């Protein structure tokens, strides 16, 4: 019985890891446009961008076959622009980090709307930047006769929100664990001092 419980927890954990990998991979197609170039950690330049681009190509081809129509602006143009901008991020980061203290590898980057919302937290600016850019890209592509790609970016609003919600809940859980550990340490310290 205990062995089955452990196996189901492992299966659940593996499934969650896969789901989060997909969420963060597909959302990278928006985040390369919604982050200030050079402000992200090294995780941003990993394999998730390539996986997300592959899922985007699959999504586009599946919709072309289902609808028997292509977008006015081909996916190749959007993908090439994304890859070029991805390169700009890397080059700017390379020059920004010379002679400075390197950023944390998981630094999510500064949202491009940071100058509009200086009083808000970086994480709030990041999600607002992500959602605004996804909506803007969706609207522009829709107006330019590219409904398949527009649908991709409109769908990203859901996936981006899900990813940010997971990060917020993870951070809140970590803070709760740290706080609880601190309380337990203080309690044990007081208990020892009473002896």
N, C-alpha and C. Protein backbone atom coordinates (compact mmCIF):
# COMPACT_ATOMS: atom_id res chain seq x y z
N UNK A 1 0.83 -1.20 0.00
CA UNK A 1 0.00 0.00 0.00
C UNK A 1 0.87 1.26 0.00
N UNK A 2 1.87 1.27 0.88
CA UNK A 2 2.77 2.43 0.98
C UNK A 2 3.58 2.59 -0.31
N UNK A 3 3.94 1.44 -0.92
CA UNK A 3 4.70 1.47 -2.17
C UNK A 3 3.87 2.08 -3.30
N UNK A 4 2.59 1.72 -3.35
CA UNK A 4 1.70 2.28 -4.37
C UNK A 4 1.55 3.79 -4.19
N UNK A 5 1.46 4.22 -2.95
CA UNK A 5 1.33 5.65 -2.65
C UNK A 5 2.58 6.40 -3.12
N UNK A 6 3.76 5.83 -2.85
CA UNK A 6 5.00 6.45 -3.29
C UNK A 6 5.07 6.52 -4.81
N UNK A 7 4.66 5.44 -5.50
CA UNK A 7 4.67 5.42 -6.96
C UNK A 7 3.72 6.46 -7.54
N UNK A 8 2.55 6.61 -6.93
CA UNK A 8 1.60 7.60 -7.44
C UNK A 8 2.12 9.02 -7.22
N UNK A 9 2.82 9.25 -6.10
CA UNK A 9 3.43 10.56 -5.87
C UNK A 9 4.52 10.85 -6.88
N UNK A 10 5.32 9.85 -7.21
CA UNK A 10 6.37 10.01 -8.22
C UNK A 10 5.74 10.30 -9.58
N UNK A 11 4.68 9.56 -9.93
CA UNK A 11 3.99 9.79 -11.20
C UNK A 11 3.41 11.19 -11.26
N UNK A 12 2.81 11.62 -10.17
CA UNK A 12 2.23 12.97 -10.11
C UNK A 12 3.32 14.02 -10.26
N UNK A 13 4.43 13.82 -9.56
CA UNK A 13 5.54 14.76 -9.64
C UNK A 13 6.10 14.83 -11.06
N UNK A 14 6.25 13.69 -11.70
CA UNK A 14 6.75 13.65 -13.08
C UNK A 14 5.78 14.35 -14.01
N UNK A 15 4.50 14.12 -13.83
CA UNK A 15 3.48 14.79 -14.66
C UNK A 15 3.48 16.29 -14.47
N UNK A 16 3.62 16.73 -13.22
CA UNK A 16 3.67 18.17 -12.95
C UNK A 16 4.91 18.79 -13.57
N UNK A 17 6.04 18.10 -13.48
CA UNK A 17 7.28 18.61 -14.07
C UNK A 17 7.13 18.75 -15.57
N UNK A 18 6.54 17.77 -16.21
CA UNK A 18 6.32 17.83 -17.65
C UNK A 18 5.37 18.96 -18.02
N UNK A 19 4.28 19.10 -17.27
CA UNK A 19 3.32 20.16 -17.54
C UNK A 19 3.95 21.54 -17.38
N UNK A 20 4.73 21.71 -16.32
CA UNK A 20 5.39 23.01 -16.10
C UNK A 20 6.44 23.29 -17.16
N UNK A 21 7.12 22.25 -17.63
CA UNK A 21 8.09 22.43 -18.71
C UNK A 21 7.39 22.93 -19.96
N UNK A 22 6.25 22.35 -20.29
CA UNK A 22 5.49 22.80 -21.46
C UNK A 22 5.01 24.23 -21.26
N UNK A 23 4.47 24.53 -20.09
CA UNK A 23 3.97 25.89 -19.81
C UNK A 23 5.08 26.92 -19.97
N UNK A 24 6.24 26.67 -19.36
CA UNK A 24 7.33 27.64 -19.42
C UNK A 24 7.98 27.68 -20.80
N UNK A 25 7.91 26.57 -21.54
CA UNK A 25 8.47 26.56 -22.89
C UNK A 25 7.62 27.38 -23.86
N UNK A 26 6.31 27.16 -23.84
CA UNK A 26 5.47 27.90 -24.78
C UNK A 26 5.37 29.37 -24.41
N UNK A 27 5.44 29.68 -23.13
CA UNK A 27 5.34 31.08 -22.73
C UNK A 27 6.59 31.88 -23.09
N UNK A 28 7.68 31.19 -23.38
CA UNK A 28 8.91 31.88 -23.77
C UNK A 28 8.71 32.67 -25.07
N UNK A 29 7.75 32.23 -25.92
CA UNK A 29 7.50 32.95 -27.18
C UNK A 29 6.97 34.36 -26.94
N UNK A 30 6.40 34.60 -25.78
CA UNK A 30 5.95 35.95 -25.40
C UNK A 30 7.02 36.66 -24.59
N UNK A 31 7.65 35.92 -23.70
CA UNK A 31 8.59 36.55 -22.77
C UNK A 31 9.84 37.12 -23.45
N UNK A 32 10.18 36.62 -24.63
CA UNK A 32 11.32 37.24 -25.31
C UNK A 32 10.97 38.65 -25.75
N UNK A 33 9.68 38.93 -25.92
CA UNK A 33 9.23 40.27 -26.31
C UNK A 33 8.84 41.12 -25.11
N UNK A 34 8.55 40.50 -23.98
CA UNK A 34 8.04 41.24 -22.83
C UNK A 34 9.09 41.52 -21.76
N UNK A 35 10.33 41.15 -22.00
CA UNK A 35 11.41 41.39 -21.05
C UNK A 35 12.43 42.36 -21.65
N UNK A 36 13.01 43.17 -20.79
CA UNK A 36 14.06 44.09 -21.22
C UNK A 36 15.27 43.24 -21.61
N UNK A 37 15.81 43.42 -22.82
CA UNK A 37 16.95 42.61 -23.25
C UNK A 37 18.12 42.72 -22.26
N UNK A 38 18.69 41.56 -21.95
CA UNK A 38 19.84 41.50 -21.07
C UNK A 38 19.52 41.44 -19.59
N UNK A 39 18.26 41.50 -19.22
CA UNK A 39 17.91 41.55 -17.79
C UNK A 39 17.59 40.18 -17.20
N UNK A 40 17.59 39.14 -18.00
CA UNK A 40 17.21 37.82 -17.52
C UNK A 40 18.43 37.00 -17.11
N UNK A 41 18.17 35.96 -16.35
CA UNK A 41 19.23 35.04 -15.96
C UNK A 41 19.51 34.04 -17.07
N UNK A 42 20.49 33.21 -16.84
CA UNK A 42 20.92 32.27 -17.89
C UNK A 42 19.85 31.24 -18.25
N UNK A 43 18.91 30.96 -17.36
CA UNK A 43 17.84 29.99 -17.67
C UNK A 43 17.05 30.41 -18.90
N UNK A 44 16.98 31.69 -19.13
CA UNK A 44 16.20 32.24 -20.25
C UNK A 44 16.75 31.75 -21.58
N UNK A 45 18.04 31.46 -21.63
CA UNK A 45 18.70 31.09 -22.89
C UNK A 45 18.81 29.59 -23.07
N UNK A 46 18.11 28.85 -22.28
CA UNK A 46 18.21 27.40 -22.33
C UNK A 46 17.35 26.79 -23.43
N UNK A 47 17.16 25.51 -23.31
CA UNK A 47 16.48 24.71 -24.32
C UNK A 47 14.98 24.95 -24.37
N UNK A 48 14.41 25.61 -23.36
CA UNK A 48 12.95 25.81 -23.35
C UNK A 48 12.48 26.67 -24.53
N UNK A 49 13.30 27.62 -24.94
CA UNK A 49 12.94 28.45 -26.10
C UNK A 49 12.78 27.57 -27.34
N UNK A 50 13.71 26.64 -27.54
CA UNK A 50 13.67 25.76 -28.71
C UNK A 50 12.45 24.84 -28.63
N UNK A 51 12.19 24.28 -27.44
CA UNK A 51 11.02 23.41 -27.26
C UNK A 51 9.74 24.21 -27.53
N UNK A 52 9.65 25.43 -26.99
CA UNK A 52 8.47 26.27 -27.21
C UNK A 52 8.28 26.61 -28.67
N UNK A 53 9.38 26.88 -29.37
CA UNK A 53 9.30 27.17 -30.80
C UNK A 53 8.81 25.93 -31.56
N UNK A 54 9.29 24.76 -31.16
CA UNK A 54 8.83 23.51 -31.78
C UNK A 54 7.34 23.28 -31.57
N UNK A 55 6.86 23.54 -30.37
CA UNK A 55 5.42 23.39 -30.09
C UNK A 55 4.63 24.41 -30.90
N UNK A 56 5.15 25.61 -31.04
CA UNK A 56 4.49 26.64 -31.85
C UNK A 56 4.38 26.20 -33.31
N UNK A 57 5.45 25.62 -33.86
CA UNK A 57 5.43 25.13 -35.24
C UNK A 57 4.39 24.02 -35.37
N UNK A 58 4.36 23.09 -34.41
CA UNK A 58 3.38 22.01 -34.44
C UNK A 58 1.96 22.58 -34.39
N UNK A 59 1.71 23.53 -33.50
CA UNK A 59 0.40 24.17 -33.38
C UNK A 59 -0.01 24.81 -34.70
N UNK A 60 0.91 25.53 -35.31
CA UNK A 60 0.62 26.22 -36.56
C UNK A 60 0.29 25.22 -37.67
N UNK A 61 1.12 24.19 -37.82
CA UNK A 61 0.90 23.20 -38.88
C UNK A 61 -0.41 22.43 -38.67
N UNK A 62 -0.72 22.09 -37.43
CA UNK A 62 -1.97 21.39 -37.14
C UNK A 62 -3.17 22.25 -37.51
N UNK A 63 -3.09 23.55 -37.23
CA UNK A 63 -4.19 24.45 -37.58
C UNK A 63 -4.29 24.70 -39.07
N UNK A 64 -3.16 24.75 -39.76
CA UNK A 64 -3.18 24.91 -41.22
C UNK A 64 -3.86 23.70 -41.85
N UNK A 65 -3.54 22.50 -41.37
CA UNK A 65 -4.17 21.30 -41.91
C UNK A 65 -5.65 21.25 -41.58
N UNK A 66 -6.01 21.65 -40.37
CA UNK A 66 -7.42 21.60 -39.96
C UNK A 66 -8.25 22.65 -40.70
N UNK A 67 -7.70 23.85 -40.89
CA UNK A 67 -8.45 24.95 -41.51
C UNK A 67 -8.25 25.03 -43.02
N UNK A 68 -7.27 24.32 -43.53
CA UNK A 68 -6.92 24.38 -44.95
C UNK A 68 -6.64 25.81 -45.41
N UNK A 69 -6.03 26.58 -44.53
CA UNK A 69 -5.66 27.97 -44.85
C UNK A 69 -4.42 28.35 -44.06
N UNK A 70 -3.61 29.20 -44.67
CA UNK A 70 -2.41 29.69 -44.00
C UNK A 70 -2.61 31.14 -43.58
N UNK A 71 -1.80 31.58 -42.62
CA UNK A 71 -1.82 32.98 -42.21
C UNK A 71 -1.19 33.84 -43.30
N UNK A 72 -1.61 35.10 -43.37
CA UNK A 72 -1.03 36.04 -44.32
C UNK A 72 0.46 36.24 -44.03
N UNK A 73 0.80 36.38 -42.76
CA UNK A 73 2.19 36.47 -42.34
C UNK A 73 2.61 35.08 -41.90
N UNK A 74 3.51 34.48 -42.63
CA UNK A 74 3.92 33.11 -42.34
C UNK A 74 4.61 32.97 -41.00
N UNK A 75 4.50 31.79 -40.44
CA UNK A 75 5.14 31.50 -39.17
C UNK A 75 6.65 31.68 -39.25
N UNK A 76 7.20 31.41 -40.42
CA UNK A 76 8.66 31.54 -40.58
C UNK A 76 9.12 32.96 -40.27
N UNK A 77 8.36 33.96 -40.68
CA UNK A 77 8.76 35.35 -40.41
C UNK A 77 8.72 35.67 -38.91
N UNK A 78 7.68 35.21 -38.26
CA UNK A 78 7.56 35.45 -36.82
C UNK A 78 8.64 34.68 -36.07
N UNK A 79 8.90 33.45 -36.49
CA UNK A 79 9.93 32.64 -35.83
C UNK A 79 11.31 33.26 -36.04
N UNK A 80 11.59 33.73 -37.26
CA UNK A 80 12.89 34.37 -37.53
C UNK A 80 13.06 35.64 -36.70
N UNK A 81 12.00 36.43 -36.60
CA UNK A 81 12.07 37.65 -35.78
C UNK A 81 12.29 37.29 -34.31
N UNK A 82 11.62 36.23 -33.84
CA UNK A 82 11.78 35.79 -32.45
C UNK A 82 13.21 35.30 -32.19
N UNK A 83 13.75 34.53 -33.11
CA UNK A 83 15.11 34.02 -32.95
C UNK A 83 16.10 35.18 -32.95
N UNK A 84 15.90 36.16 -33.86
CA UNK A 84 16.80 37.32 -33.91
C UNK A 84 16.72 38.11 -32.60
N UNK A 85 15.51 38.31 -32.07
CA UNK A 85 15.36 39.07 -30.82
C UNK A 85 15.93 38.28 -29.65
N UNK A 86 15.80 36.96 -29.71
CA UNK A 86 16.41 36.09 -28.70
C UNK A 86 17.92 36.30 -28.71
N UNK A 87 18.51 36.42 -29.90
CA UNK A 87 19.94 36.70 -30.02
C UNK A 87 20.31 38.05 -29.43
N UNK A 88 19.45 39.05 -29.65
CA UNK A 88 19.69 40.38 -29.08
C UNK A 88 19.73 40.29 -27.56
N UNK A 89 18.80 39.55 -26.98
CA UNK A 89 18.81 39.35 -25.53
C UNK A 89 20.16 38.82 -25.06
N UNK A 90 20.65 37.79 -25.74
CA UNK A 90 21.91 37.17 -25.36
C UNK A 90 23.09 38.11 -25.48
N UNK A 91 23.14 38.87 -26.58
CA UNK A 91 24.26 39.81 -26.78
C UNK A 91 24.23 40.92 -25.74
N UNK A 92 23.05 41.48 -25.49
CA UNK A 92 22.95 42.55 -24.49
C UNK A 92 23.32 42.02 -23.10
N UNK A 93 22.89 40.82 -22.77
CA UNK A 93 23.23 40.23 -21.47
C UNK A 93 24.73 40.03 -21.36
N UNK A 94 25.34 39.57 -22.43
CA UNK A 94 26.79 39.36 -22.42
C UNK A 94 27.53 40.65 -22.12
N UNK A 95 27.13 41.74 -22.74
CA UNK A 95 27.80 43.02 -22.51
C UNK A 95 27.40 43.66 -21.18
N UNK A 96 26.17 43.44 -20.72
CA UNK A 96 25.74 43.99 -19.43
C UNK A 96 26.45 43.34 -18.25
N UNK A 97 26.79 42.07 -18.37
CA UNK A 97 27.36 41.32 -17.25
C UNK A 97 28.88 41.39 -17.18
N UNK A 98 29.51 42.04 -18.09
CA UNK A 98 30.98 42.16 -18.05
C UNK A 98 31.39 43.05 -16.90
N UNK A 99 32.21 42.51 -16.02
CA UNK A 99 32.75 43.30 -14.92
C UNK A 99 31.76 43.61 -13.82
N UNK A 100 30.58 43.01 -13.85
CA UNK A 100 29.59 43.25 -12.80
C UNK A 100 29.33 41.95 -12.06
N UNK A 101 28.57 42.06 -11.00
CA UNK A 101 28.16 40.87 -10.27
C UNK A 101 27.11 40.16 -11.12
N UNK A 102 27.31 38.88 -11.44
CA UNK A 102 26.35 38.19 -12.30
C UNK A 102 24.99 38.04 -11.61
N UNK A 103 23.94 38.06 -12.41
CA UNK A 103 22.60 37.90 -11.85
C UNK A 103 22.34 36.43 -11.54
N UNK A 104 21.33 36.19 -10.73
CA UNK A 104 20.93 34.82 -10.41
C UNK A 104 20.53 34.13 -11.71
N UNK A 105 20.84 32.85 -11.83
CA UNK A 105 20.57 32.15 -13.09
C UNK A 105 19.08 32.08 -13.40
N UNK A 106 18.22 32.14 -12.38
CA UNK A 106 16.78 32.08 -12.61
C UNK A 106 16.12 33.45 -12.60
N UNK A 107 16.90 34.50 -12.73
CA UNK A 107 16.34 35.85 -12.76
C UNK A 107 15.33 35.95 -13.91
N UNK A 108 14.08 36.26 -13.62
CA UNK A 108 13.06 36.26 -14.67
C UNK A 108 13.14 37.45 -15.62
N UNK A 109 13.91 38.44 -15.27
CA UNK A 109 14.03 39.60 -16.15
C UNK A 109 13.07 40.71 -15.75
N UNK A 110 13.34 41.87 -16.29
CA UNK A 110 12.54 43.06 -16.01
C UNK A 110 11.48 43.18 -17.08
N UNK A 111 10.22 43.31 -16.67
CA UNK A 111 9.13 43.51 -17.63
C UNK A 111 9.30 44.84 -18.36
N UNK A 112 8.95 44.87 -19.64
CA UNK A 112 9.18 46.08 -20.43
C UNK A 112 8.33 47.26 -19.99
N UNK A 113 7.31 47.01 -19.20
CA UNK A 113 6.45 48.10 -18.74
C UNK A 113 6.88 48.63 -17.37
N UNK A 114 8.11 48.32 -16.95
CA UNK A 114 8.58 48.73 -15.61
C UNK A 114 8.53 50.24 -15.43
N UNK A 115 8.77 51.00 -16.46
CA UNK A 115 8.79 52.46 -16.36
C UNK A 115 7.39 53.05 -16.20
N UNK A 116 6.36 52.28 -16.58
CA UNK A 116 4.98 52.74 -16.38
C UNK A 116 4.46 52.46 -14.97
N UNK A 117 5.08 51.47 -14.30
CA UNK A 117 4.59 51.01 -13.00
C UNK A 117 5.72 50.93 -11.99
N UNK A 118 6.39 52.03 -11.69
CA UNK A 118 7.56 51.94 -10.80
C UNK A 118 7.21 51.55 -9.37
N UNK A 119 5.97 51.75 -8.94
CA UNK A 119 5.60 51.45 -7.56
C UNK A 119 5.24 49.98 -7.35
N UNK A 120 5.05 49.24 -8.43
CA UNK A 120 4.65 47.83 -8.30
C UNK A 120 5.86 46.93 -8.18
N UNK A 121 5.63 45.74 -7.64
CA UNK A 121 6.72 44.77 -7.50
C UNK A 121 7.16 44.28 -8.88
N UNK A 122 8.38 43.77 -8.94
CA UNK A 122 8.92 43.27 -10.21
C UNK A 122 8.09 42.12 -10.76
N UNK A 123 7.58 41.27 -9.89
CA UNK A 123 6.77 40.13 -10.37
C UNK A 123 5.44 40.59 -10.94
N UNK A 124 4.85 41.63 -10.34
CA UNK A 124 3.59 42.16 -10.87
C UNK A 124 3.81 42.82 -12.23
N UNK A 125 4.89 43.58 -12.34
CA UNK A 125 5.22 44.21 -13.62
C UNK A 125 5.48 43.14 -14.67
N UNK A 126 6.12 42.05 -14.27
CA UNK A 126 6.42 40.98 -15.22
C UNK A 126 5.15 40.36 -15.79
N UNK A 127 4.18 40.02 -14.95
CA UNK A 127 2.95 39.40 -15.46
C UNK A 127 2.14 40.39 -16.28
N UNK A 128 2.09 41.65 -15.85
CA UNK A 128 1.36 42.65 -16.64
C UNK A 128 2.03 42.84 -18.00
N UNK A 129 3.36 42.90 -18.01
CA UNK A 129 4.10 43.02 -19.27
C UNK A 129 3.83 41.82 -20.17
N UNK A 130 3.88 40.62 -19.59
CA UNK A 130 3.64 39.40 -20.37
C UNK A 130 2.25 39.42 -21.00
N UNK A 131 1.24 39.73 -20.19
CA UNK A 131 -0.14 39.71 -20.70
C UNK A 131 -0.38 40.80 -21.74
N UNK A 132 0.15 41.99 -21.50
CA UNK A 132 -0.03 43.08 -22.47
C UNK A 132 0.64 42.76 -23.80
N UNK A 133 1.85 42.21 -23.74
CA UNK A 133 2.55 41.87 -24.98
C UNK A 133 1.83 40.74 -25.71
N UNK A 134 1.35 39.73 -24.99
CA UNK A 134 0.62 38.63 -25.63
C UNK A 134 -0.64 39.15 -26.32
N UNK A 135 -1.38 40.01 -25.62
CA UNK A 135 -2.58 40.59 -26.22
C UNK A 135 -2.25 41.47 -27.43
N UNK A 136 -1.20 42.27 -27.30
CA UNK A 136 -0.80 43.14 -28.41
C UNK A 136 -0.38 42.32 -29.63
N UNK A 137 0.46 41.30 -29.42
CA UNK A 137 0.87 40.45 -30.53
C UNK A 137 -0.33 39.75 -31.17
N UNK A 138 -1.24 39.27 -30.33
CA UNK A 138 -2.45 38.63 -30.85
C UNK A 138 -3.29 39.58 -31.68
N UNK A 139 -3.47 40.79 -31.20
CA UNK A 139 -4.28 41.78 -31.92
C UNK A 139 -3.62 42.19 -33.24
N UNK A 140 -2.32 42.45 -33.19
CA UNK A 140 -1.60 42.86 -34.41
C UNK A 140 -1.64 41.76 -35.46
N UNK A 141 -1.36 40.53 -35.06
CA UNK A 141 -1.39 39.42 -36.01
C UNK A 141 -2.80 39.17 -36.53
N UNK A 142 -3.80 39.37 -35.70
CA UNK A 142 -5.18 39.22 -36.14
C UNK A 142 -5.53 40.28 -37.19
N UNK A 143 -5.13 41.51 -36.92
CA UNK A 143 -5.39 42.59 -37.88
C UNK A 143 -4.63 42.39 -39.19
N UNK A 144 -3.50 41.72 -39.14
CA UNK A 144 -2.69 41.48 -40.33
C UNK A 144 -3.08 40.17 -41.05
N UNK A 145 -4.22 39.62 -40.70
CA UNK A 145 -4.72 38.43 -41.39
C UNK A 145 -4.01 37.15 -41.02
N UNK A 146 -3.60 37.04 -39.79
CA UNK A 146 -2.91 35.83 -39.33
C UNK A 146 -3.61 35.27 -38.10
N UNK A 147 -4.83 34.72 -38.29
CA UNK A 147 -5.62 34.27 -37.14
C UNK A 147 -5.02 33.09 -36.38
N UNK A 148 -4.26 32.23 -37.06
CA UNK A 148 -3.68 31.08 -36.35
C UNK A 148 -2.65 31.55 -35.33
N UNK A 149 -1.75 32.41 -35.76
CA UNK A 149 -0.74 32.92 -34.84
C UNK A 149 -1.36 33.84 -33.80
N UNK A 150 -2.38 34.58 -34.18
CA UNK A 150 -3.07 35.43 -33.21
C UNK A 150 -3.67 34.55 -32.10
N UNK A 151 -4.26 33.43 -32.50
CA UNK A 151 -4.82 32.50 -31.52
C UNK A 151 -3.76 31.96 -30.57
N UNK A 152 -2.56 31.71 -31.10
CA UNK A 152 -1.44 31.25 -30.27
C UNK A 152 -1.15 32.27 -29.18
N UNK A 153 -1.03 33.54 -29.55
CA UNK A 153 -0.67 34.57 -28.56
C UNK A 153 -1.83 34.87 -27.60
N UNK A 154 -3.06 34.78 -28.07
CA UNK A 154 -4.19 34.94 -27.16
C UNK A 154 -4.21 33.79 -26.14
N UNK A 155 -3.90 32.57 -26.60
CA UNK A 155 -3.86 31.42 -25.69
C UNK A 155 -2.73 31.55 -24.68
N UNK A 156 -1.68 32.25 -25.06
CA UNK A 156 -0.55 32.44 -24.15
C UNK A 156 -0.96 33.18 -22.88
N UNK A 157 -2.00 33.99 -22.95
CA UNK A 157 -2.47 34.70 -21.75
C UNK A 157 -2.81 33.69 -20.64
N UNK A 158 -3.49 32.61 -21.01
CA UNK A 158 -3.83 31.58 -20.03
C UNK A 158 -2.56 30.90 -19.51
N UNK A 159 -1.66 30.48 -20.42
CA UNK A 159 -0.46 29.75 -20.02
C UNK A 159 0.48 30.62 -19.20
N UNK A 160 0.59 31.89 -19.57
CA UNK A 160 1.43 32.81 -18.79
C UNK A 160 0.87 32.98 -17.38
N UNK A 161 -0.45 33.14 -17.29
CA UNK A 161 -1.09 33.29 -15.98
C UNK A 161 -0.87 32.04 -15.13
N UNK A 162 -0.99 30.89 -15.74
CA UNK A 162 -0.77 29.63 -15.02
C UNK A 162 0.67 29.53 -14.52
N UNK A 163 1.63 29.88 -15.36
CA UNK A 163 3.04 29.84 -14.95
C UNK A 163 3.34 30.80 -13.82
N UNK A 164 2.82 32.02 -13.92
CA UNK A 164 3.04 33.01 -12.86
C UNK A 164 2.35 32.59 -11.56
N UNK A 165 1.17 31.99 -11.67
CA UNK A 165 0.46 31.50 -10.48
C UNK A 165 1.28 30.41 -9.80
N UNK A 166 1.86 29.51 -10.56
CA UNK A 166 2.68 28.46 -9.99
C UNK A 166 3.89 29.05 -9.28
N UNK A 167 4.56 30.03 -9.91
CA UNK A 167 5.74 30.65 -9.29
C UNK A 167 5.34 31.34 -7.98
N UNK A 168 4.23 32.08 -8.00
CA UNK A 168 3.77 32.76 -6.78
C UNK A 168 3.47 31.76 -5.67
N UNK A 169 2.77 30.67 -6.00
CA UNK A 169 2.43 29.68 -4.97
C UNK A 169 3.68 28.97 -4.46
N UNK A 170 4.65 28.69 -5.34
CA UNK A 170 5.91 28.09 -4.91
C UNK A 170 6.65 29.02 -3.96
N UNK A 171 6.74 30.29 -4.32
CA UNK A 171 7.44 31.25 -3.47
C UNK A 171 6.74 31.42 -2.13
N UNK A 172 5.41 31.45 -2.13
CA UNK A 172 4.66 31.57 -0.88
C UNK A 172 4.90 30.35 0.01
N UNK A 173 4.93 29.16 -0.60
CA UNK A 173 5.19 27.94 0.16
C UNK A 173 6.60 27.97 0.76
N UNK A 174 7.58 28.39 -0.04
CA UNK A 174 8.96 28.48 0.47
C UNK A 174 9.06 29.46 1.63
N UNK A 175 8.40 30.60 1.51
CA UNK A 175 8.41 31.59 2.60
C UNK A 175 7.76 31.03 3.86
N UNK A 176 6.66 30.28 3.68
CA UNK A 176 5.99 29.68 4.82
C UNK A 176 6.89 28.66 5.50
N UNK A 177 7.60 27.85 4.72
CA UNK A 177 8.53 26.86 5.29
C UNK A 177 9.65 27.57 6.04
N UNK A 178 10.21 28.61 5.45
CA UNK A 178 11.29 29.35 6.13
C UNK A 178 10.79 29.99 7.43
N UNK A 179 9.60 30.55 7.39
CA UNK A 179 9.02 31.20 8.57
C UNK A 179 8.75 30.15 9.65
N UNK A 180 8.18 29.03 9.25
CA UNK A 180 7.91 27.96 10.22
C UNK A 180 9.21 27.43 10.84
N UNK A 181 10.24 27.30 10.03
CA UNK A 181 11.53 26.84 10.54
C UNK A 181 12.10 27.83 11.55
N UNK A 182 11.94 29.10 11.25
CA UNK A 182 12.42 30.14 12.16
C UNK A 182 11.64 30.09 13.48
N UNK A 183 10.33 29.92 13.41
CA UNK A 183 9.52 29.82 14.63
C UNK A 183 9.92 28.60 15.46
N UNK A 184 10.14 27.48 14.78
CA UNK A 184 10.53 26.27 15.50
C UNK A 184 11.89 26.44 16.16
N UNK A 185 12.81 27.09 15.46
CA UNK A 185 14.15 27.33 16.04
C UNK A 185 14.04 28.24 17.25
N UNK A 186 13.23 29.28 17.18
CA UNK A 186 13.05 30.18 18.33
C UNK A 186 12.42 29.45 19.50
N UNK A 187 11.42 28.60 19.21
CA UNK A 187 10.76 27.84 20.25
C UNK A 187 11.75 26.90 20.94
N UNK A 188 12.53 26.18 20.12
CA UNK A 188 13.51 25.25 20.70
C UNK A 188 14.57 26.01 21.49
N UNK A 189 14.98 27.17 21.02
CA UNK A 189 15.97 27.97 21.73
C UNK A 189 15.42 28.41 23.09
N UNK A 190 14.17 28.85 23.12
CA UNK A 190 13.55 29.25 24.39
C UNK A 190 13.40 28.05 25.33
N UNK A 191 13.06 26.91 24.76
CA UNK A 191 12.89 25.71 25.56
C UNK A 191 14.22 25.29 26.18
N UNK A 192 15.29 25.39 25.42
CA UNK A 192 16.63 25.04 25.94
C UNK A 192 17.06 26.05 26.99
N UNK A 193 16.78 27.33 26.79
CA UNK A 193 17.18 28.37 27.74
C UNK A 193 16.44 28.25 29.06
N UNK A 194 15.26 27.66 29.07
CA UNK A 194 14.49 27.48 30.31
C UNK A 194 15.07 26.40 31.19
N UNK A 195 15.87 25.52 30.64
CA UNK A 195 16.40 24.39 31.42
C UNK A 195 17.43 24.83 32.36
